[in-house]
Amino acid sequence: MHLIRDNDGKYGPKFVAVAEGAEINVVTIPPRSPNLNPICERFLKSVRHECLDHVIILDEQHLRRAIKQYVSYFNASRPHQGTAQRIPGEGDGDRPLCSGGRVVATPILGGLHHDYRRAA
């Protein structure tokens, strides 16, 4: 397993020792090079702006639960620009969008976001 990280000072020798003790290979990207890890950088930005900036985290368990819910929403409900505003895994982009039927909204993260689907 690999951990790709930047050169932030919070990743000191103790952090590296713990990671290596867990048999994780720590790979450090060069300074001022977020473009070397763009998918992670973009995902973390989404988590911060769409979730953590709007939730008061009470403890570690609450943080884990909020991130787990957000990741589920991100991967299964949220439209993505890179897929022509379609939801990942929803199929090919040539299929026309359904235009009939009632829309049902399911609240995510206590209503911070919603998953909108056509009722069956």
PDB file of N, CA and C in Angstrom:
ATOM      1  N   MET A   1       0.844  -1.159   0.000  1.00  0.00           N
ATOM      2  CA  MET A   1       0.000   0.000   0.000  1.00  0.00           C
ATOM      3  C   MET A   1       0.901   1.237   0.000  1.00  0.00           C
ATOM      4  N   HIS A   2       0.427   2.290  -0.691  1.00  0.00           N
ATOM      5  CA  HIS A   2       1.193   3.532  -0.791  1.00  0.00           C
ATOM      6  C   HIS A   2       0.383   4.696  -0.229  1.00  0.00           C
ATOM      7  N   LEU A   3       1.075   5.660   0.338  1.00  0.00           N
ATOM      8  CA  LEU A   3       0.475   6.906   0.782  1.00  0.00           C
ATOM      9  C   LEU A   3       1.222   8.020   0.070  1.00  0.00           C
ATOM     10  N   ILE A   4       0.528   8.712  -0.834  1.00  0.00           N
ATOM     11  CA  ILE A   4       1.137   9.833  -1.545  1.00  0.00           C
ATOM     12  C   ILE A   4       0.805  11.087  -0.754  1.00  0.00           C
ATOM     13  N   ARG A   5       1.832  11.867  -0.412  1.00  0.00           N
ATOM     14  CA  ARG A   5       1.614  13.059   0.412  1.00  0.00           C
ATOM     15  C   ARG A   5       2.462  14.211  -0.080  1.00  0.00           C
ATOM     16  N   ASP A   6       2.098  15.406   0.372  1.00  0.00           N
ATOM     17  CA  ASP A   6       2.902  16.575   0.039  1.00  0.00           C
ATOM     18  C   ASP A   6       3.947  16.791   1.125  1.00  0.00           C
ATOM     19  N   ASN A   7       4.603  17.942   1.111  1.00  0.00           N
ATOM     20  CA  ASN A   7       5.694  18.219   2.053  1.00  0.00           C
ATOM     21  C   ASN A   7       5.253  19.047   3.251  1.00  0.00           C
ATOM     22  N   ASP A   8       3.994  19.014   3.585  1.00  0.00           N
ATOM     23  CA  ASP A   8       3.486  19.769   4.722  1.00  0.00           C
ATOM     24  C   ASP A   8       4.225  19.365   5.994  1.00  0.00           C
ATOM     25  N   GLY A   9       4.508  20.338   6.845  1.00  0.00           N
ATOM     26  CA  GLY A   9       5.235  20.089   8.085  1.00  0.00           C
ATOM     27  C   GLY A   9       4.508  19.184   9.064  1.00  0.00           C
ATOM     28  N   LYS A  10       3.190  19.041   8.904  1.00  0.00           N
ATOM     29  CA  LYS A  10       2.450  18.168   9.822  1.00  0.00           C
ATOM     30  C   LYS A  10       2.799  16.701   9.625  1.00  0.00           C
ATOM     31  N   TYR A  11       3.431  16.373   8.504  1.00  0.00           N
ATOM     32  CA  TYR A  11       3.884  14.997   8.272  1.00  0.00           C
ATOM     33  C   TYR A  11       5.330  14.870   8.742  1.00  0.00           C
ATOM     34  N   GLY A  12       5.529  14.847  10.022  1.00  0.00           N
ATOM     35  CA  GLY A  12       6.869  14.751  10.596  1.00  0.00           C
ATOM     36  C   GLY A  12       7.367  13.320  10.657  1.00  0.00           C
ATOM     37  N   PRO A  13       8.518  13.120  11.285  1.00  0.00           N
ATOM     38  CA  PRO A  13       9.108  11.779  11.385  1.00  0.00           C
ATOM     39  C   PRO A  13       8.207  10.777  12.109  1.00  0.00           C
ATOM     40  N   LYS A  14       7.432  11.238  13.085  1.00  0.00           N
ATOM     41  CA  LYS A  14       6.536  10.320  13.802  1.00  0.00           C
ATOM     42  C   LYS A  14       5.447   9.789  12.869  1.00  0.00           C
ATOM     43  N   PHE A  15       4.918  10.673  12.025  1.00  0.00           N
ATOM     44  CA  PHE A  15       3.891  10.264  11.065  1.00  0.00           C
ATOM     45  C   PHE A  15       4.440   9.195  10.122  1.00  0.00           C
ATOM     46  N   VAL A  16       5.622   9.449   9.591  1.00  0.00           N
ATOM     47  CA  VAL A  16       6.252   8.497   8.670  1.00  0.00           C
ATOM     48  C   VAL A  16       6.526   7.176   9.380  1.00  0.00           C
ATOM     49  N   ALA A  17       6.994   7.238  10.623  1.00  0.00           N
ATOM     50  CA  ALA A  17       7.293   6.013  11.378  1.00  0.00           C
ATOM     51  C   ALA A  17       6.031   5.177  11.594  1.00  0.00           C
ATOM     52  N   VAL A  18       4.919   5.832  11.923  1.00  0.00           N
ATOM     53  CA  VAL A  18       3.663   5.107  12.125  1.00  0.00           C
ATOM     54  C   VAL A  18       3.200   4.475  10.811  1.00  0.00           C
ATOM     55  N   ALA A  19       3.272   5.238   9.723  1.00  0.00           N
ATOM     56  CA  ALA A  19       2.852   4.706   8.420  1.00  0.00           C
ATOM     57  C   ALA A  19       3.709   3.520   8.011  1.00  0.00           C
ATOM     58  N   GLU A  20       5.012   3.664   8.144  1.00  0.00           N
ATOM     59  CA  GLU A  20       5.905   2.569   7.764  1.00  0.00           C
ATOM     60  C   GLU A  20       5.738   1.374   8.697  1.00  0.00           C
ATOM     61  N   GLY A  21       5.413   1.622   9.964  1.00  0.00           N
ATOM     62  CA  GLY A  21       5.140   0.537  10.905  1.00  0.00           C
ATOM     63  C   GLY A  21       3.903  -0.256  10.509  1.00  0.00           C
ATOM     64  N   ALA A  22       2.990   0.392   9.785  1.00  0.00           N
ATOM     65  CA  ALA A  22       1.788  -0.276   9.285  1.00  0.00           C
ATOM     66  C   ALA A  22       2.013  -0.815   7.870  1.00  0.00           C
ATOM     67  N   GLU A  23       3.270  -0.881   7.469  1.00  0.00           N
ATOM     68  CA  GLU A  23       3.678  -1.389   6.154  1.00  0.00           C
ATOM     69  C   GLU A  23       3.084  -0.572   5.010  1.00  0.00           C
ATOM     70  N   ILE A  24       3.057   0.749   5.204  1.00  0.00           N
ATOM     71  CA  ILE A  24       2.597   1.670   4.166  1.00  0.00           C
ATOM     72  C   ILE A  24       3.814   2.409   3.631  1.00  0.00           C
ATOM     73  N   ASN A  25       4.013   2.349   2.328  1.00  0.00           N
ATOM     74  CA  ASN A  25       5.125   3.041   1.683  1.00  0.00           C
ATOM     75  C   ASN A  25       4.740   4.508   1.494  1.00  0.00           C
ATOM     76  N   VAL A  26       5.463   5.424   2.126  1.00  0.00           N
ATOM     77  CA  VAL A  26       5.167   6.851   2.045  1.00  0.00           C
ATOM     78  C   VAL A  26       5.919   7.445   0.862  1.00  0.00           C
ATOM     79  N   VAL A  27       5.172   8.037  -0.080  1.00  0.00           N
ATOM     80  CA  VAL A  27       5.744   8.671  -1.266  1.00  0.00           C
ATOM     81  C   VAL A  27       5.481  10.166  -1.151  1.00  0.00           C
ATOM     82  N   THR A  28       6.538  10.966  -1.198  1.00  0.00           N
ATOM     83  CA  THR A  28       6.421  12.416  -1.062  1.00  0.00           C
ATOM     84  C   THR A  28       6.521  13.065  -2.438  1.00  0.00           C
ATOM     85  N   ILE A  29       5.529  13.904  -2.784  1.00  0.00           N
ATOM     86  CA  ILE A  29       5.592  14.606  -4.061  1.00  0.00           C
ATOM     87  C   ILE A  29       6.450  15.858  -3.888  1.00  0.00           C
ATOM     88  N   PRO A  30       7.019  16.382  -4.974  1.00  0.00           N
ATOM     89  CA  PRO A  30       7.862  17.582  -4.875  1.00  0.00           C
ATOM     90  C   PRO A  30       7.067  18.790  -4.370  1.00  0.00           C
ATOM     91  N   PRO A  31       7.763  19.766  -3.781  1.00  0.00           N
ATOM     92  CA  PRO A  31       7.091  20.980  -3.293  1.00  0.00           C
ATOM     93  C   PRO A  31       6.345  21.706  -4.417  1.00  0.00           C
ATOM     94  N   ARG A  32       5.234  22.333  -4.055  1.00  0.00           N
ATOM     95  CA  ARG A  32       4.412  23.122  -4.976  1.00  0.00           C
ATOM     96  C   ARG A  32       4.024  22.341  -6.231  1.00  0.00           C
ATOM     97  N   SER A  33       3.597  21.090  -6.046  1.00  0.00           N
ATOM     98  CA  SER A  33       3.222  20.236  -7.182  1.00  0.00           C
ATOM     99  C   SER A  33       1.891  19.516  -6.953  1.00  0.00           C
ATOM    100  N   PRO A  34       0.816  20.233  -6.632  1.00  0.00           N
ATOM    101  CA  PRO A  34      -0.458  19.540  -6.414  1.00  0.00           C
ATOM    102  C   PRO A  34      -0.956  18.848  -7.678  1.00  0.00           C
ATOM    103  N   ASN A  35      -0.422  19.271  -8.836  1.00  0.00           N
ATOM    104  CA  ASN A  35      -0.823  18.642 -10.091  1.00  0.00           C
ATOM    105  C   ASN A  35      -0.351  17.191 -10.200  1.00  0.00           C
ATOM    106  N   LEU A  36       0.535  16.759  -9.307  1.00  0.00           N
ATOM    107  CA  LEU A  36       0.998  15.376  -9.327  1.00  0.00           C
ATOM    108  C   LEU A  36       0.035  14.443  -8.596  1.00  0.00           C
ATOM    109  N   ASN A  37      -0.938  15.014  -7.927  1.00  0.00           N
ATOM    110  CA  ASN A  37      -1.937  14.214  -7.213  1.00  0.00           C
ATOM    111  C   ASN A  37      -3.316  14.877  -7.379  1.00  0.00           C
ATOM    112  N   PRO A  38      -3.724  15.162  -8.632  1.00  0.00           N
ATOM    113  CA  PRO A  38      -4.905  16.009  -8.849  1.00  0.00           C
ATOM    114  C   PRO A  38      -6.229  15.395  -8.423  1.00  0.00           C
ATOM    115  N   ILE A  39      -6.388  14.092  -8.575  1.00  0.00           N
ATOM    116  CA  ILE A  39      -7.667  13.473  -8.217  1.00  0.00           C
ATOM    117  C   ILE A  39      -7.905  13.592  -6.719  1.00  0.00           C
ATOM    118  N   CYS A  40      -6.876  13.330  -5.944  1.00  0.00           N
ATOM    119  CA  CYS A  40      -6.986  13.445  -4.489  1.00  0.00           C
ATOM    120  C   CYS A  40      -7.233  14.896  -4.085  1.00  0.00           C
ATOM    121  N   GLU A  41      -6.487  15.831  -4.696  1.00  0.00           N
ATOM    122  CA  GLU A  41      -6.653  17.249  -4.364  1.00  0.00           C
ATOM    123  C   GLU A  41      -8.089  17.700  -4.641  1.00  0.00           C
ATOM    124  N   ARG A  42      -8.644  17.297  -5.779  1.00  0.00           N
ATOM    125  CA  ARG A  42     -10.003  17.707  -6.137  1.00  0.00           C
ATOM    126  C   ARG A  42     -11.035  17.075  -5.206  1.00  0.00           C
ATOM    127  N   PHE A  43     -10.844  15.799  -4.872  1.00  0.00           N
ATOM    128  CA  PHE A  43     -11.784  15.138  -3.966  1.00  0.00           C
ATOM    129  C   PHE A  43     -11.757  15.801  -2.589  1.00  0.00           C
ATOM    130  N   LEU A  44     -10.560  16.080  -2.067  1.00  0.00           N
ATOM    131  CA  LEU A  44     -10.460  16.719  -0.751  1.00  0.00           C
ATOM    132  C   LEU A  44     -11.107  18.099  -0.754  1.00  0.00           C
ATOM    133  N   LYS A  45     -10.957  18.829  -1.867  1.00  0.00           N
ATOM    134  CA  LYS A  45     -11.606  20.135  -1.979  1.00  0.00           C
ATOM    135  C   LYS A  45     -13.128  19.968  -1.925  1.00  0.00           C
ATOM    136  N   SER A  46     -13.643  18.955  -2.630  1.00  0.00           N
ATOM    137  CA  SER A  46     -15.087  18.696  -2.612  1.00  0.00           C
ATOM    138  C   SER A  46     -15.564  18.341  -1.207  1.00  0.00           C
ATOM    139  N   VAL A  47     -14.832  17.472  -0.515  1.00  0.00           N
ATOM    140  CA  VAL A  47     -15.216  17.080   0.850  1.00  0.00           C
ATOM    141  C   VAL A  47     -15.264  18.304   1.755  1.00  0.00           C
ATOM    142  N   ARG A  48     -14.244  19.152   1.663  1.00  0.00           N
ATOM    143  CA  ARG A  48     -14.202  20.342   2.516  1.00  0.00           C
ATOM    144  C   ARG A  48     -15.358  21.286   2.212  1.00  0.00           C
ATOM    145  N   HIS A  49     -15.509  21.658   0.925  1.00  0.00           N
ATOM    146  CA  HIS A  49     -16.485  22.684   0.551  1.00  0.00           C
ATOM    147  C   HIS A  49     -17.932  22.201   0.606  1.00  0.00           C
ATOM    148  N   GLU A  50     -18.169  20.928   0.303  1.00  0.00           N
ATOM    149  CA  GLU A  50     -19.541  20.440   0.226  1.00  0.00           C
ATOM    150  C   GLU A  50     -20.002  19.709   1.482  1.00  0.00           C
ATOM    151  N   CYS A  51     -19.080  19.441   2.405  1.00  0.00           N
ATOM    152  CA  CYS A  51     -19.461  18.688   3.605  1.00  0.00           C
ATOM    153  C   CYS A  51     -18.919  19.348   4.870  1.00  0.00           C
ATOM    154  N   LEU A  52     -17.620  19.288   5.060  1.00  0.00           N
ATOM    155  CA  LEU A  52     -17.035  19.671   6.349  1.00  0.00           C
ATOM    156  C   LEU A  52     -17.185  21.150   6.693  1.00  0.00           C
ATOM    157  N   ASP A  53     -17.278  22.025   5.674  1.00  0.00           N
ATOM    158  CA  ASP A  53     -17.480  23.449   5.955  1.00  0.00           C
ATOM    159  C   ASP A  53     -18.881  23.736   6.496  1.00  0.00           C
ATOM    160  N   HIS A  54     -19.788  22.761   6.411  1.00  0.00           N
ATOM    161  CA  HIS A  54     -21.184  22.974   6.793  1.00  0.00           C
ATOM    162  C   HIS A  54     -21.644  22.114   7.966  1.00  0.00           C
ATOM    163  N   VAL A  55     -20.747  21.318   8.513  1.00  0.00           N
ATOM    164  CA  VAL A  55     -21.105  20.395   9.589  1.00  0.00           C
ATOM    165  C   VAL A  55     -20.219  20.667  10.800  1.00  0.00           C
ATOM    166  N   ILE A  56     -20.808  20.747  11.971  1.00  0.00           N
ATOM    167  CA  ILE A  56     -20.026  20.867  13.200  1.00  0.00           C
ATOM    168  C   ILE A  56     -19.710  19.450  13.659  1.00  0.00           C
ATOM    169  N   ILE A  57     -18.440  19.101  13.602  1.00  0.00           N
ATOM    170  CA  ILE A  57     -18.002  17.748  13.941  1.00  0.00           C
ATOM    171  C   ILE A  57     -17.847  17.648  15.454  1.00  0.00           C
ATOM    172  N   LEU A  58     -18.489  16.643  16.044  1.00  0.00           N
ATOM    173  CA  LEU A  58     -18.479  16.483  17.495  1.00  0.00           C
ATOM    174  C   LEU A  58     -17.337  15.613  18.002  1.00  0.00           C
ATOM    175  N   ASP A  59     -16.988  14.580  17.253  1.00  0.00           N
ATOM    176  CA  ASP A  59     -15.900  13.689  17.655  1.00  0.00           C
ATOM    177  C   ASP A  59     -15.451  12.891  16.432  1.00  0.00           C
ATOM    178  N   GLU A  60     -14.473  12.017  16.626  1.00  0.00           N
ATOM    179  CA  GLU A  60     -13.929  11.256  15.503  1.00  0.00           C
ATOM    180  C   GLU A  60     -14.990  10.364  14.865  1.00  0.00           C
ATOM    181  N   GLN A  61     -15.826   9.742  15.675  1.00  0.00           N
ATOM    182  CA  GLN A  61     -16.873   8.865  15.141  1.00  0.00           C
ATOM    183  C   GLN A  61     -17.844   9.657  14.261  1.00  0.00           C
ATOM    184  N   HIS A  62     -18.194  10.859  14.691  1.00  0.00           N
ATOM    185  CA  HIS A  62     -19.076  11.722  13.908  1.00  0.00           C
ATOM    186  C   HIS A  62     -18.406  12.118  12.597  1.00  0.00           C
ATOM    187  N   LEU A  63     -17.115  12.447  12.644  1.00  0.00           N
ATOM    188  CA  LEU A  63     -16.362  12.788  11.439  1.00  0.00           C
ATOM    189  C   LEU A  63     -16.375  11.625  10.451  1.00  0.00           C
ATOM    190  N   ARG A  64     -16.087  10.429  10.946  1.00  0.00           N
ATOM    191  CA  ARG A  64     -16.072   9.246  10.075  1.00  0.00           C
ATOM    192  C   ARG A  64     -17.450   8.997   9.449  1.00  0.00           C
ATOM    193  N   ARG A  65     -18.503   9.144  10.230  1.00  0.00           N
ATOM    194  CA  ARG A  65     -19.859   8.923   9.731  1.00  0.00           C
ATOM    195  C   ARG A  65     -20.215   9.963   8.659  1.00  0.00           C
ATOM    196  N   ALA A  66     -19.877  11.233   8.909  1.00  0.00           N
ATOM    197  CA  ALA A  66     -20.174  12.292   7.938  1.00  0.00           C
ATOM    198  C   ALA A  66     -19.414  12.061   6.635  1.00  0.00           C
ATOM    199  N   ILE A  67     -18.140  11.706   6.731  1.00  0.00           N
ATOM    200  CA  ILE A  67     -17.351  11.470   5.516  1.00  0.00           C
ATOM    201  C   ILE A  67     -17.860  10.240   4.777  1.00  0.00           C
ATOM    202  N   LYS A  68     -18.235   9.203   5.508  1.00  0.00           N
ATOM    203  CA  LYS A  68     -18.769   7.991   4.867  1.00  0.00           C
ATOM    204  C   LYS A  68     -20.052   8.316   4.095  1.00  0.00           C
ATOM    205  N   GLN A  69     -20.945   9.096   4.692  1.00  0.00           N
ATOM    206  CA  GLN A  69     -22.178   9.491   4.009  1.00  0.00           C
ATOM    207  C   GLN A  69     -21.864  10.352   2.790  1.00  0.00           C
ATOM    208  N   TYR A  70     -20.909  11.278   2.939  1.00  0.00           N
ATOM    209  CA  TYR A  70     -20.560  12.145   1.816  1.00  0.00           C
ATOM    210  C   TYR A  70     -19.944  11.337   0.673  1.00  0.00           C
ATOM    211  N   VAL A  71     -19.061  10.397   0.991  1.00  0.00           N
ATOM    212  CA  VAL A  71     -18.425   9.574  -0.045  1.00  0.00           C
ATOM    213  C   VAL A  71     -19.484   8.771  -0.796  1.00  0.00           C
ATOM    214  N   SER A  72     -20.452   8.224  -0.081  1.00  0.00           N
ATOM    215  CA  SER A  72     -21.537   7.486  -0.724  1.00  0.00           C
ATOM    216  C   SER A  72     -22.318   8.408  -1.664  1.00  0.00           C
ATOM    217  N   TYR A  73     -22.638   9.606  -1.203  1.00  0.00           N
ATOM    218  CA  TYR A  73     -23.325  10.602  -2.029  1.00  0.00           C
ATOM    219  C   TYR A  73     -22.469  10.983  -3.232  1.00  0.00           C
ATOM    220  N   PHE A  74     -21.191  11.236  -3.007  1.00  0.00           N
ATOM    221  CA  PHE A  74     -20.264  11.655  -4.060  1.00  0.00           C
ATOM    222  C   PHE A  74     -20.187  10.609  -5.164  1.00  0.00           C
ATOM    223  N   ASN A  75     -20.126   9.331  -4.788  1.00  0.00           N
ATOM    224  CA  ASN A  75     -19.938   8.260  -5.764  1.00  0.00           C
ATOM    225  C   ASN A  75     -21.227   7.742  -6.389  1.00  0.00           C
ATOM    226  N   ALA A  76     -22.368   7.927  -5.735  1.00  0.00           N
ATOM    227  CA  ALA A  76     -23.593   7.309  -6.239  1.00  0.00           C
ATOM    228  C   ALA A  76     -24.714   8.288  -6.582  1.00  0.00           C
ATOM    229  N   SER A  77     -24.602   9.546  -6.187  1.00  0.00           N
ATOM    230  CA  SER A  77     -25.721  10.468  -6.385  1.00  0.00           C
ATOM    231  C   SER A  77     -25.331  11.793  -7.023  1.00  0.00           C
ATOM    232  N   ARG A  78     -24.142  12.252  -6.793  1.00  0.00           N
ATOM    233  CA  ARG A  78     -23.728  13.583  -7.203  1.00  0.00           C
ATOM    234  C   ARG A  78     -23.294  13.596  -8.668  1.00  0.00           C
ATOM    235  N   PRO A  79     -23.847  14.516  -9.490  1.00  0.00           N
ATOM    236  CA  PRO A  79     -23.390  14.624 -10.877  1.00  0.00           C
ATOM    237  C   PRO A  79     -21.939  15.109 -10.930  1.00  0.00           C
ATOM    238  N   HIS A  80     -21.200  14.653 -11.930  1.00  0.00           N
ATOM    239  CA  HIS A  80     -19.793  15.021 -12.080  1.00  0.00           C
ATOM    240  C   HIS A  80     -19.580  15.706 -13.425  1.00  0.00           C
ATOM    241  N   GLN A  81     -18.811  16.806 -13.434  1.00  0.00           N
ATOM    242  CA  GLN A  81     -18.544  17.537 -14.667  1.00  0.00           C
ATOM    243  C   GLN A  81     -17.829  16.669 -15.697  1.00  0.00           C
ATOM    244  N   GLY A  82     -16.920  15.817 -15.249  1.00  0.00           N
ATOM    245  CA  GLY A  82     -16.145  14.983 -16.170  1.00  0.00           C
ATOM    246  C   GLY A  82     -16.969  13.928 -16.873  1.00  0.00           C
ATOM    247  N   THR A  83     -18.207  13.717 -16.443  1.00  0.00           N
ATOM    248  CA  THR A  83     -19.083  12.723 -17.077  1.00  0.00           C
ATOM    249  C   THR A  83     -20.340  13.404 -17.615  1.00  0.00           C
ATOM    250  N   ALA A  84     -20.186  14.628 -18.108  1.00  0.00           N
ATOM    251  CA  ALA A  84     -21.292  15.393 -18.702  1.00  0.00           C
ATOM    252  C   ALA A  84     -22.467  15.531 -17.730  1.00  0.00           C
ATOM    253  N   GLN A  85     -22.154  15.817 -16.478  1.00  0.00           N
ATOM    254  CA  GLN A  85     -23.135  16.009 -15.401  1.00  0.00           C
ATOM    255  C   GLN A  85     -23.956  14.752 -15.114  1.00  0.00           C
ATOM    256  N   ARG A  86     -23.427  13.614 -15.475  1.00  0.00           N
ATOM    257  CA  ARG A  86     -24.088  12.349 -15.142  1.00  0.00           C
ATOM    258  C   ARG A  86     -23.496  11.813 -13.844  1.00  0.00           C
ATOM    259  N   ILE A  87     -24.195  10.852 -13.267  1.00  0.00           N
ATOM    260  CA  ILE A  87     -23.748  10.233 -12.024  1.00  0.00           C
ATOM    261  C   ILE A  87     -22.826   9.071 -12.364  1.00  0.00           C
ATOM    262  N   PRO A  88     -21.685   8.938 -11.683  1.00  0.00           N
ATOM    263  CA  PRO A  88     -20.771   7.824 -11.976  1.00  0.00           C
ATOM    264  C   PRO A  88     -21.492   6.478 -11.894  1.00  0.00           C
ATOM    265  N   GLY A  89     -21.212   5.616 -12.869  1.00  0.00           N
ATOM    266  CA  GLY A  89     -21.774   4.279 -12.866  1.00  0.00           C
ATOM    267  C   GLY A  89     -23.219   4.202 -13.326  1.00  0.00           C
ATOM    268  N   GLU A  90     -23.769   5.308 -13.819  1.00  0.00           N
ATOM    269  CA  GLU A  90     -25.175   5.282 -14.220  1.00  0.00           C
ATOM    270  C   GLU A  90     -25.350   4.755 -15.641  1.00  0.00           C
ATOM    271  N   GLY A  91     -24.278   4.447 -16.329  1.00  0.00           N
ATOM    272  CA  GLY A  91     -24.383   3.888 -17.673  1.00  0.00           C
ATOM    273  C   GLY A  91     -23.834   4.834 -18.713  1.00  0.00           C
ATOM    274  N   ASP A  92     -24.101   4.513 -19.970  1.00  0.00           N
ATOM    275  CA  ASP A  92     -23.527   5.329 -21.046  1.00  0.00           C
ATOM    276  C   ASP A  92     -24.222   6.678 -21.135  1.00  0.00           C
ATOM    277  N   GLY A  93     -23.503   7.643 -21.655  1.00  0.00           N
ATOM    278  CA  GLY A  93     -24.016   9.000 -21.767  1.00  0.00           C
ATOM    279  C   GLY A  93     -24.965   9.194 -22.930  1.00  0.00           C
ATOM    280  N   ASP A  94     -25.164   8.170 -23.777  1.00  0.00           N
ATOM    281  CA  ASP A  94     -26.041   8.296 -24.932  1.00  0.00           C
ATOM    282  C   ASP A  94     -27.504   8.041 -24.579  1.00  0.00           C
ATOM    283  N   ARG A  95     -27.747   7.432 -23.425  1.00  0.00           N
ATOM    284  CA  ARG A  95     -29.109   7.115 -23.016  1.00  0.00           C
ATOM    285  C   ARG A  95     -29.839   8.413 -22.666  1.00  0.00           C
ATOM    286  N   PRO A  96     -31.042   8.639 -23.218  1.00  0.00           N
ATOM    287  CA  PRO A  96     -31.765   9.867 -22.875  1.00  0.00           C
ATOM    288  C   PRO A  96     -32.219   9.843 -21.420  1.00  0.00           C
ATOM    289  N   LEU A  97     -32.271  11.030 -20.830  1.00  0.00           N
ATOM    290  CA  LEU A  97     -32.744  11.142 -19.455  1.00  0.00           C
ATOM    291  C   LEU A  97     -34.256  10.937 -19.420  1.00  0.00           C
ATOM    292  N   CYS A  98     -34.736  10.269 -18.409  1.00  0.00           N
ATOM    293  CA  CYS A  98     -36.167  10.023 -18.225  1.00  0.00           C
ATOM    294  C   CYS A  98     -36.841  11.364 -17.940  1.00  0.00           C
ATOM    295  N   SER A  99     -37.951  11.634 -18.610  1.00  0.00           N
ATOM    296  CA  SER A  99     -38.595  12.929 -18.411  1.00  0.00           C
ATOM    297  C   SER A  99     -39.960  12.829 -17.736  1.00  0.00           C
ATOM    298  N   GLY A 100     -40.444  11.615 -17.482  1.00  0.00           N
ATOM    299  CA  GLY A 100     -41.758  11.480 -16.867  1.00  0.00           C
ATOM    300  C   GLY A 100     -41.686  10.870 -15.487  1.00  0.00           C
ATOM    301  N   GLY A 101     -42.717  11.108 -14.703  1.00  0.00           N
ATOM    302  CA  GLY A 101     -42.776  10.510 -13.376  1.00  0.00           C
ATOM    303  C   GLY A 101     -42.457  11.499 -12.274  1.00  0.00           C
ATOM    304  N   ARG A 102     -42.803  11.090 -11.078  1.00  0.00           N
ATOM    305  CA  ARG A 102     -42.609  11.929  -9.896  1.00  0.00           C
ATOM    306  C   ARG A 102     -41.153  11.850  -9.435  1.00  0.00           C
ATOM    307  N   VAL A 103     -40.599  12.963  -8.991  1.00  0.00           N
ATOM    308  CA  VAL A 103     -39.231  13.017  -8.477  1.00  0.00           C
ATOM    309  C   VAL A 103     -39.274  12.888  -6.959  1.00  0.00           C
ATOM    310  N   VAL A 104     -38.437  11.999  -6.427  1.00  0.00           N
ATOM    311  CA  VAL A 104     -38.357  11.781  -4.983  1.00  0.00           C
ATOM    312  C   VAL A 104     -36.995  12.273  -4.508  1.00  0.00           C
ATOM    313  N   ALA A 105     -36.983  13.086  -3.457  1.00  0.00           N
ATOM    314  CA  ALA A 105     -35.738  13.607  -2.884  1.00  0.00           C
ATOM    315  C   ALA A 105     -35.421  12.859  -1.595  1.00  0.00           C
ATOM    316  N   THR A 106     -34.202  12.327  -1.513  1.00  0.00           N
ATOM    317  CA  THR A 106     -33.740  11.656  -0.298  1.00  0.00           C
ATOM    318  C   THR A 106     -32.677  12.534   0.346  1.00  0.00           C
ATOM    319  N   PRO A 107     -32.886  12.993   1.590  1.00  0.00           N
ATOM    320  CA  PRO A 107     -31.888  13.855   2.230  1.00  0.00           C
ATOM    321  C   PRO A 107     -30.601  13.099   2.552  1.00  0.00           C
ATOM    322  N   ILE A 108     -29.479  13.773   2.348  1.00  0.00           N
ATOM    323  CA  ILE A 108     -28.152  13.253   2.663  1.00  0.00           C
ATOM    324  C   ILE A 108     -27.526  14.207   3.677  1.00  0.00           C
ATOM    325  N   LEU A 109     -26.835  13.674   4.667  1.00  0.00           N
ATOM    326  CA  LEU A 109     -26.183  14.481   5.705  1.00  0.00           C
ATOM    327  C   LEU A 109     -27.174  15.434   6.367  1.00  0.00           C
ATOM    328  N   GLY A 110     -28.310  14.888   6.771  1.00  0.00           N
ATOM    329  CA  GLY A 110     -29.306  15.688   7.478  1.00  0.00           C
ATOM    330  C   GLY A 110     -29.955  16.759   6.625  1.00  0.00           C
ATOM    331  N   GLY A 111     -29.958  16.587   5.300  1.00  0.00           N
ATOM    332  CA  GLY A 111     -30.579  17.551   4.405  1.00  0.00           C
ATOM    333  C   GLY A 111     -29.604  18.533   3.788  1.00  0.00           C
ATOM    334  N   LEU A 112     -28.324  18.419   4.082  1.00  0.00           N
ATOM    335  CA  LEU A 112     -27.327  19.301   3.467  1.00  0.00           C
ATOM    336  C   LEU A 112     -27.325  19.105   1.954  1.00  0.00           C
ATOM    337  N   HIS A 113     -27.437  17.864   1.515  1.00  0.00           N
ATOM    338  CA  HIS A 113     -27.544  17.513   0.098  1.00  0.00           C
ATOM    339  C   HIS A 113     -28.753  16.605  -0.075  1.00  0.00           C
ATOM    340  N   HIS A 114     -29.169  16.414  -1.309  1.00  0.00           N
ATOM    341  CA  HIS A 114     -30.288  15.522  -1.608  1.00  0.00           C
ATOM    342  C   HIS A 114     -29.951  14.656  -2.809  1.00  0.00           C
ATOM    343  N   ASP A 115     -30.494  13.449  -2.804  1.00  0.00           N
ATOM    344  CA  ASP A 115     -30.390  12.535  -3.936  1.00  0.00           C
ATOM    345  C   ASP A 115     -31.754  12.544  -4.608  1.00  0.00           C
ATOM    346  N   TYR A 116     -31.821  13.054  -5.835  1.00  0.00           N
ATOM    347  CA  TYR A 116     -33.081  13.149  -6.566  1.00  0.00           C
ATOM    348  C   TYR A 116     -33.174  12.001  -7.562  1.00  0.00           C
ATOM    349  N   ARG A 117     -34.259  11.240  -7.485  1.00  0.00           N
ATOM    350  CA  ARG A 117     -34.490  10.103  -8.388  1.00  0.00           C
ATOM    351  C   ARG A 117     -35.949  10.111  -8.820  1.00  0.00           C
ATOM    352  N   ARG A 118     -36.199   9.545  -9.988  1.00  0.00           N
ATOM    353  CA  ARG A 118     -37.572   9.355 -10.449  1.00  0.00           C
ATOM    354  C   ARG A 118     -38.189   8.191  -9.688  1.00  0.00           C
ATOM    355  N   ALA A 119     -39.422   8.354  -9.249  1.00  0.00           N
ATOM    356  CA  ALA A 119     -40.130   7.273  -8.557  1.00  0.00           C
ATOM    357  C   ALA A 119     -40.443   6.173  -9.562  1.00  0.00           C
ATOM    358  N   ALA A 120     -40.413   4.943  -9.098  1.00  0.00           N
ATOM    359  CA  ALA A 120     -40.674   3.799  -9.995  1.00  0.00           C
ATOM    360  C   ALA A 120     -42.121   3.717 -10.385  1.00  0.00           C
TER     361      ALA A 120
END
